[in-house]
Amino acid sequence: MRCEVCGRKIHTDPVRAIIEGAKLTVCVECSKHGKVVMHEEVAISQPSPTKSYAHIPVIMKKPPVAQVQITTEVVDDYAAKIRSVREKLGLSHEDLGKKINEKASVLRHIETGKIAPTNQLANKLEHALKITLMVPIVDEKVTATTPKKLASDGLTLGDLIDMTKPAEEAPGKRKPS
């Protein structure tokens, strides 16, 4: 059997594809130029009296990536902590790098604060230096000023304007021009 696009002999399973609106039997390479028809079987012509049918290859989708909720973050003063403990232990950047399987240049950048360590690297540093770099994330609650009206009364645009006026201005007076 020959490819209906390029004319080459098809040595592997032929594929049915829609290329420029025509449904064609093509080789795997030419099937990339169109849309593969997934639910059809393609007959392979063989010199033997019995015909066999080959299934069109199934394109596998990537498995979904698991969603991970991050619950910890690196402390703000990580650079100073890492440097002081490393110096107390008498370790050079190279020694610490060998101990945790990281480059010395990465450790230098972390200690100067040029880059922040990833969670994985922070965990390695915690175990090697016996310090705490990862802390739980604290939700900062924003307190908004609420109007004196009840929520059931409904808030109007006028209420918002009154809330933003300075205290010395009287609500009904206009400024002289």
C-alpha atoms as a PDB file:
ATOM      1  CA  MET A   1       0.000   0.000   0.000  1.00  0.00           C
ATOM      2  CA  ARG A   2       1.255   3.469  -0.855  1.00  0.00           C
ATOM      3  CA  CYS A   3       0.723   6.803   0.894  1.00  0.00           C
ATOM      4  CA  GLU A   4      -1.822   8.922  -0.975  1.00  0.00           C
ATOM      5  CA  VAL A   5       0.157  12.101  -0.239  1.00  0.00           C
ATOM      6  CA  CYS A   6       3.829  11.355  -0.761  1.00  0.00           C
ATOM      7  CA  GLY A   7       3.519   8.112  -2.749  1.00  0.00           C
ATOM      8  CA  ARG A   8       5.978   6.178  -0.577  1.00  0.00           C
ATOM      9  CA  LYS A   9       5.298   2.576   0.303  1.00  0.00           C
ATOM     10  CA  ILE A  10       3.763   2.280   3.766  1.00  0.00           C
ATOM     11  CA  HIS A  11       5.793  -0.205   5.797  1.00  0.00           C
ATOM     12  CA  THR A  12       4.046   0.396   9.119  1.00  0.00           C
ATOM     13  CA  ASP A  13       0.351   0.670   9.869  1.00  0.00           C
ATOM     14  CA  PRO A  14      -1.380   3.085   7.488  1.00  0.00           C
ATOM     15  CA  VAL A  15      -3.318   5.946   9.014  1.00  0.00           C
ATOM     16  CA  ARG A  16      -6.590   7.551   7.901  1.00  0.00           C
ATOM     17  CA  ALA A  17      -6.329  11.322   8.120  1.00  0.00           C
ATOM     18  CA  ILE A  18      -8.261  14.327   6.911  1.00  0.00           C
ATOM     19  CA  ILE A  19      -5.829  16.547   5.017  1.00  0.00           C
ATOM     20  CA  GLU A  20      -7.204  19.722   3.405  1.00  0.00           C
ATOM     21  CA  GLY A  21     -10.743  18.351   3.612  1.00  0.00           C
ATOM     22  CA  ALA A  22      -9.990  14.968   1.965  1.00  0.00           C
ATOM     23  CA  LYS A  23      -9.986  11.687   3.889  1.00  0.00           C
ATOM     24  CA  LEU A  24      -6.781   9.909   2.835  1.00  0.00           C
ATOM     25  CA  THR A  25      -4.799   6.791   3.688  1.00  0.00           C
ATOM     26  CA  VAL A  26      -1.331   8.067   4.539  1.00  0.00           C
ATOM     27  CA  CYS A  27       1.917   7.140   6.230  1.00  0.00           C
ATOM     28  CA  VAL A  28       2.634   8.256   9.797  1.00  0.00           C
ATOM     29  CA  GLU A  29       4.810  11.163   8.604  1.00  0.00           C
ATOM     30  CA  CYS A  30       2.143  12.576   6.277  1.00  0.00           C
ATOM     31  CA  SER A  31      -0.549  12.168   8.971  1.00  0.00           C
ATOM     32  CA  LYS A  32       1.129  15.059  10.799  1.00  0.00           C
ATOM     33  CA  HIS A  33      -0.122  17.433   8.089  1.00  0.00           C
ATOM     34  CA  GLY A  34      -3.779  16.768   8.859  1.00  0.00           C
ATOM     35  CA  LYS A  35      -6.186  15.522  11.494  1.00  0.00           C
ATOM     36  CA  VAL A  36      -6.009  11.807  12.293  1.00  0.00           C
ATOM     37  CA  VAL A  37      -9.397  10.078  12.166  1.00  0.00           C
ATOM     38  CA  MET A  38      -9.451   8.170  15.432  1.00  0.00           C
ATOM     39  CA  HIS A  39     -12.483   5.852  15.153  1.00  0.00           C
ATOM     40  CA  GLU A  40     -11.917   4.149  11.819  1.00  0.00           C
ATOM     41  CA  GLU A  41      -9.990   1.069  10.915  1.00  0.00           C
ATOM     42  CA  VAL A  42      -7.853   1.008   7.799  1.00  0.00           C
ATOM     43  CA  ALA A  43      -7.625  -2.067   5.607  1.00  0.00           C
ATOM     44  CA  ILE A  44      -4.097  -3.173   4.703  1.00  0.00           C
ATOM     45  CA  SER A  45      -3.775  -4.726   1.277  1.00  0.00           C
ATOM     46  CA  GLN A  46      -1.618  -7.825   1.442  1.00  0.00           C
ATOM     47  CA  PRO A  47      -0.882 -10.462  -1.131  1.00  0.00           C
ATOM     48  CA  SER A  48      -2.471 -13.115   1.096  1.00  0.00           C
ATOM     49  CA  PRO A  49      -6.142 -13.944   0.537  1.00  0.00           C
ATOM     50  CA  THR A  50      -7.175 -12.853   4.038  1.00  0.00           C
ATOM     51  CA  LYS A  51      -7.358  -9.192   4.897  1.00  0.00           C
ATOM     52  CA  SER A  52      -6.220  -7.947   8.271  1.00  0.00           C
ATOM     53  CA  TYR A  53      -7.159  -4.692   9.876  1.00  0.00           C
ATOM     54  CA  ALA A  54      -4.843  -2.456  11.826  1.00  0.00           C
ATOM     55  CA  HIS A  55      -5.965  -0.049  14.491  1.00  0.00           C
ATOM     56  CA  ILE A  56      -5.013   3.567  14.185  1.00  0.00           C
ATOM     57  CA  PRO A  57      -2.468   4.522  16.832  1.00  0.00           C
ATOM     58  CA  VAL A  58      -3.994   6.202  19.854  1.00  0.00           C
ATOM     59  CA  ILE A  59      -2.496   9.528  20.864  1.00  0.00           C
ATOM     60  CA  MET A  60      -2.022   9.475  24.612  1.00  0.00           C
ATOM     61  CA  LYS A  61      -2.708  12.623  26.576  1.00  0.00           C
ATOM     62  CA  LYS A  62      -0.448  13.661  29.408  1.00  0.00           C
ATOM     63  CA  PRO A  63      -1.786  12.685  32.818  1.00  0.00           C
ATOM     64  CA  PRO A  64      -3.164  15.594  34.816  1.00  0.00           C
ATOM     65  CA  VAL A  65      -0.698  17.247  37.150  1.00  0.00           C
ATOM     66  CA  ALA A  66      -1.587  16.909  40.802  1.00  0.00           C
ATOM     67  CA  GLN A  67      -2.530  20.176  42.447  1.00  0.00           C
ATOM     68  CA  VAL A  68      -0.430  20.823  45.548  1.00  0.00           C
ATOM     69  CA  GLN A  69      -1.450  23.434  48.053  1.00  0.00           C
ATOM     70  CA  ILE A  70       1.557  25.267  49.414  1.00  0.00           C
ATOM     71  CA  THR A  71       1.282  25.685  53.170  1.00  0.00           C
ATOM     72  CA  THR A  72       4.793  26.868  54.068  1.00  0.00           C
ATOM     73  CA  GLU A  73       7.095  29.651  52.962  1.00  0.00           C
ATOM     74  CA  VAL A  74      10.712  30.619  53.474  1.00  0.00           C
ATOM     75  CA  VAL A  75      11.413  33.022  56.360  1.00  0.00           C
ATOM     76  CA  ASP A  76      12.356  36.603  55.497  1.00  0.00           C
ATOM     77  CA  ASP A  77      15.846  36.559  57.056  1.00  0.00           C
ATOM     78  CA  TYR A  78      16.922  33.264  55.435  1.00  0.00           C
ATOM     79  CA  ALA A  79      20.193  34.698  54.086  1.00  0.00           C
ATOM     80  CA  ALA A  80      21.514  35.835  57.465  1.00  0.00           C
ATOM     81  CA  LYS A  81      20.429  32.602  59.180  1.00  0.00           C
ATOM     82  CA  ILE A  82      22.148  30.384  56.632  1.00  0.00           C
ATOM     83  CA  ARG A  83      25.372  32.408  56.643  1.00  0.00           C
ATOM     84  CA  SER A  84      25.685  32.618  60.436  1.00  0.00           C
ATOM     85  CA  VAL A  85      25.052  28.900  61.019  1.00  0.00           C
ATOM     86  CA  ARG A  86      27.357  27.867  58.158  1.00  0.00           C
ATOM     87  CA  GLU A  87      30.154  30.030  59.580  1.00  0.00           C
ATOM     88  CA  LYS A  88      29.553  28.707  63.128  1.00  0.00           C
ATOM     89  CA  LEU A  89      29.917  25.146  61.821  1.00  0.00           C
ATOM     90  CA  GLY A  90      33.111  26.157  60.002  1.00  0.00           C
ATOM     91  CA  LEU A  91      31.816  25.071  56.585  1.00  0.00           C
ATOM     92  CA  SER A  92      32.777  26.735  53.318  1.00  0.00           C
ATOM     93  CA  HIS A  93      30.279  27.170  50.494  1.00  0.00           C
ATOM     94  CA  GLU A  94      31.927  24.229  48.701  1.00  0.00           C
ATOM     95  CA  ASP A  95      31.713  21.961  51.778  1.00  0.00           C
ATOM     96  CA  LEU A  96      28.049  22.775  52.339  1.00  0.00           C
ATOM     97  CA  GLY A  97      27.377  22.360  48.622  1.00  0.00           C
ATOM     98  CA  LYS A  98      28.869  18.858  48.632  1.00  0.00           C
ATOM     99  CA  LYS A  99      26.920  17.988  51.761  1.00  0.00           C
ATOM    100  CA  ILE A 100      23.540  18.890  50.213  1.00  0.00           C
ATOM    101  CA  ASN A 101      24.452  18.217  46.556  1.00  0.00           C
ATOM    102  CA  GLU A 102      24.184  21.840  45.381  1.00  0.00           C
ATOM    103  CA  LYS A 103      26.552  24.209  43.633  1.00  0.00           C
ATOM    104  CA  ALA A 104      28.587  26.587  45.795  1.00  0.00           C
ATOM    105  CA  SER A 105      27.619  29.503  43.538  1.00  0.00           C
ATOM    106  CA  VAL A 106      23.923  28.875  44.265  1.00  0.00           C
ATOM    107  CA  LEU A 107      24.649  28.939  47.993  1.00  0.00           C
ATOM    108  CA  ARG A 108      26.573  32.216  47.630  1.00  0.00           C
ATOM    109  CA  HIS A 109      23.622  33.806  45.785  1.00  0.00           C
ATOM    110  CA  ILE A 110      21.220  32.612  48.461  1.00  0.00           C
ATOM    111  CA  GLU A 111      23.394  34.003  51.263  1.00  0.00           C
ATOM    112  CA  THR A 112      23.640  37.390  49.558  1.00  0.00           C
ATOM    113  CA  GLY A 113      19.873  37.436  49.023  1.00  0.00           C
ATOM    114  CA  LYS A 114      20.102  37.561  45.223  1.00  0.00           C
ATOM    115  CA  ILE A 115      17.924  34.460  44.920  1.00  0.00           C
ATOM    116  CA  ALA A 116      15.506  32.803  47.308  1.00  0.00           C
ATOM    117  CA  PRO A 117      15.843  29.073  47.925  1.00  0.00           C
ATOM    118  CA  THR A 118      13.186  26.758  46.561  1.00  0.00           C
ATOM    119  CA  ASN A 119      11.184  24.770  49.084  1.00  0.00           C
ATOM    120  CA  GLN A 120      13.233  21.673  48.246  1.00  0.00           C
ATOM    121  CA  LEU A 121      16.546  23.475  48.721  1.00  0.00           C
ATOM    122  CA  ALA A 122      15.298  25.095  51.933  1.00  0.00           C
ATOM    123  CA  ASN A 123      14.468  21.624  53.282  1.00  0.00           C
ATOM    124  CA  LYS A 124      17.969  20.407  52.407  1.00  0.00           C
ATOM    125  CA  LEU A 125      19.510  23.391  54.179  1.00  0.00           C
ATOM    126  CA  GLU A 126      17.277  22.860  57.222  1.00  0.00           C
ATOM    127  CA  HIS A 127      18.439  19.269  57.602  1.00  0.00           C
ATOM    128  CA  ALA A 128      22.120  19.990  56.953  1.00  0.00           C
ATOM    129  CA  LEU A 129      22.379  23.073  59.193  1.00  0.00           C
ATOM    130  CA  LYS A 130      19.715  22.066  61.758  1.00  0.00           C
ATOM    131  CA  ILE A 131      17.839  25.365  61.433  1.00  0.00           C
ATOM    132  CA  THR A 132      14.266  26.352  60.590  1.00  0.00           C
ATOM    133  CA  LEU A 133      13.786  28.120  57.267  1.00  0.00           C
ATOM    134  CA  MET A 134      10.235  27.071  56.391  1.00  0.00           C
ATOM    135  CA  VAL A 135       7.318  28.476  58.379  1.00  0.00           C
ATOM    136  CA  PRO A 136       3.556  28.112  57.900  1.00  0.00           C
ATOM    137  CA  ILE A 137       1.953  30.742  55.709  1.00  0.00           C
ATOM    138  CA  VAL A 138       0.131  33.333  57.788  1.00  0.00           C
ATOM    139  CA  ASP A 139      -3.026  34.732  56.240  1.00  0.00           C
ATOM    140  CA  GLU A 140      -3.040  38.473  56.651  1.00  0.00           C
ATOM    141  CA  LYS A 141      -6.562  39.620  57.190  1.00  0.00           C
ATOM    142  CA  VAL A 142      -7.373  42.994  55.709  1.00  0.00           C
ATOM    143  CA  THR A 143      -9.776  45.021  57.782  1.00  0.00           C
ATOM    144  CA  ALA A 144     -11.899  47.383  55.760  1.00  0.00           C
ATOM    145  CA  THR A 145     -13.782  50.292  57.215  1.00  0.00           C
ATOM    146  CA  THR A 146     -17.446  49.528  57.138  1.00  0.00           C
ATOM    147  CA  PRO A 147     -20.141  52.174  56.938  1.00  0.00           C
ATOM    148  CA  LYS A 148     -22.357  52.750  59.950  1.00  0.00           C
ATOM    149  CA  LYS A 149     -25.363  51.576  57.982  1.00  0.00           C
ATOM    150  CA  LEU A 150     -26.433  47.988  58.330  1.00  0.00           C
ATOM    151  CA  ALA A 151     -25.725  45.671  55.422  1.00  0.00           C
ATOM    152  CA  SER A 152     -29.445  44.923  55.178  1.00  0.00           C
ATOM    153  CA  ASP A 153     -30.110  48.641  54.423  1.00  0.00           C
ATOM    154  CA  GLY A 154     -28.010  48.362  51.300  1.00  0.00           C
ATOM    155  CA  LEU A 155     -24.987  50.442  50.379  1.00  0.00           C
ATOM    156  CA  THR A 156     -25.390  53.094  47.736  1.00  0.00           C
ATOM    157  CA  LEU A 157     -22.853  54.993  45.692  1.00  0.00           C
ATOM    158  CA  GLY A 158     -23.663  58.080  47.733  1.00  0.00           C
ATOM    159  CA  ASP A 159     -22.714  56.253  50.921  1.00  0.00           C
ATOM    160  CA  LEU A 160     -19.307  55.455  49.450  1.00  0.00           C
ATOM    161  CA  ILE A 161     -18.749  59.089  48.457  1.00  0.00           C
ATOM    162  CA  ASP A 162     -19.677  60.272  51.964  1.00  0.00           C
ATOM    163  CA  MET A 163     -17.175  57.801  53.449  1.00  0.00           C
ATOM    164  CA  THR A 164     -14.307  59.204  51.392  1.00  0.00           C
ATOM    165  CA  LYS A 165     -14.926  62.923  52.181  1.00  0.00           C
ATOM    166  CA  PRO A 166     -12.553  64.620  54.614  1.00  0.00           C
ATOM    167  CA  ALA A 167     -13.973  65.306  58.078  1.00  0.00           C
ATOM    168  CA  GLU A 168     -13.707  69.127  57.923  1.00  0.00           C
ATOM    169  CA  GLU A 169     -15.939  69.410  54.849  1.00  0.00           C
ATOM    170  CA  ALA A 170     -19.628  69.889  55.504  1.00  0.00           C
ATOM    171  CA  PRO A 171     -21.773  67.485  53.506  1.00  0.00           C
ATOM    172  CA  GLY A 172     -24.030  70.112  51.900  1.00  0.00           C
ATOM    173  CA  LYS A 173     -21.645  73.023  51.222  1.00  0.00           C
ATOM    174  CA  ARG A 174     -19.689  73.650  48.044  1.00  0.00           C
ATOM    175  CA  LYS A 175     -16.209  75.052  47.831  1.00  0.00           C
ATOM    176  CA  PRO A 176     -15.967  78.602  46.487  1.00  0.00           C
ATOM    177  CA  SER A 177     -14.529  78.799  43.004  1.00  0.00           C
END
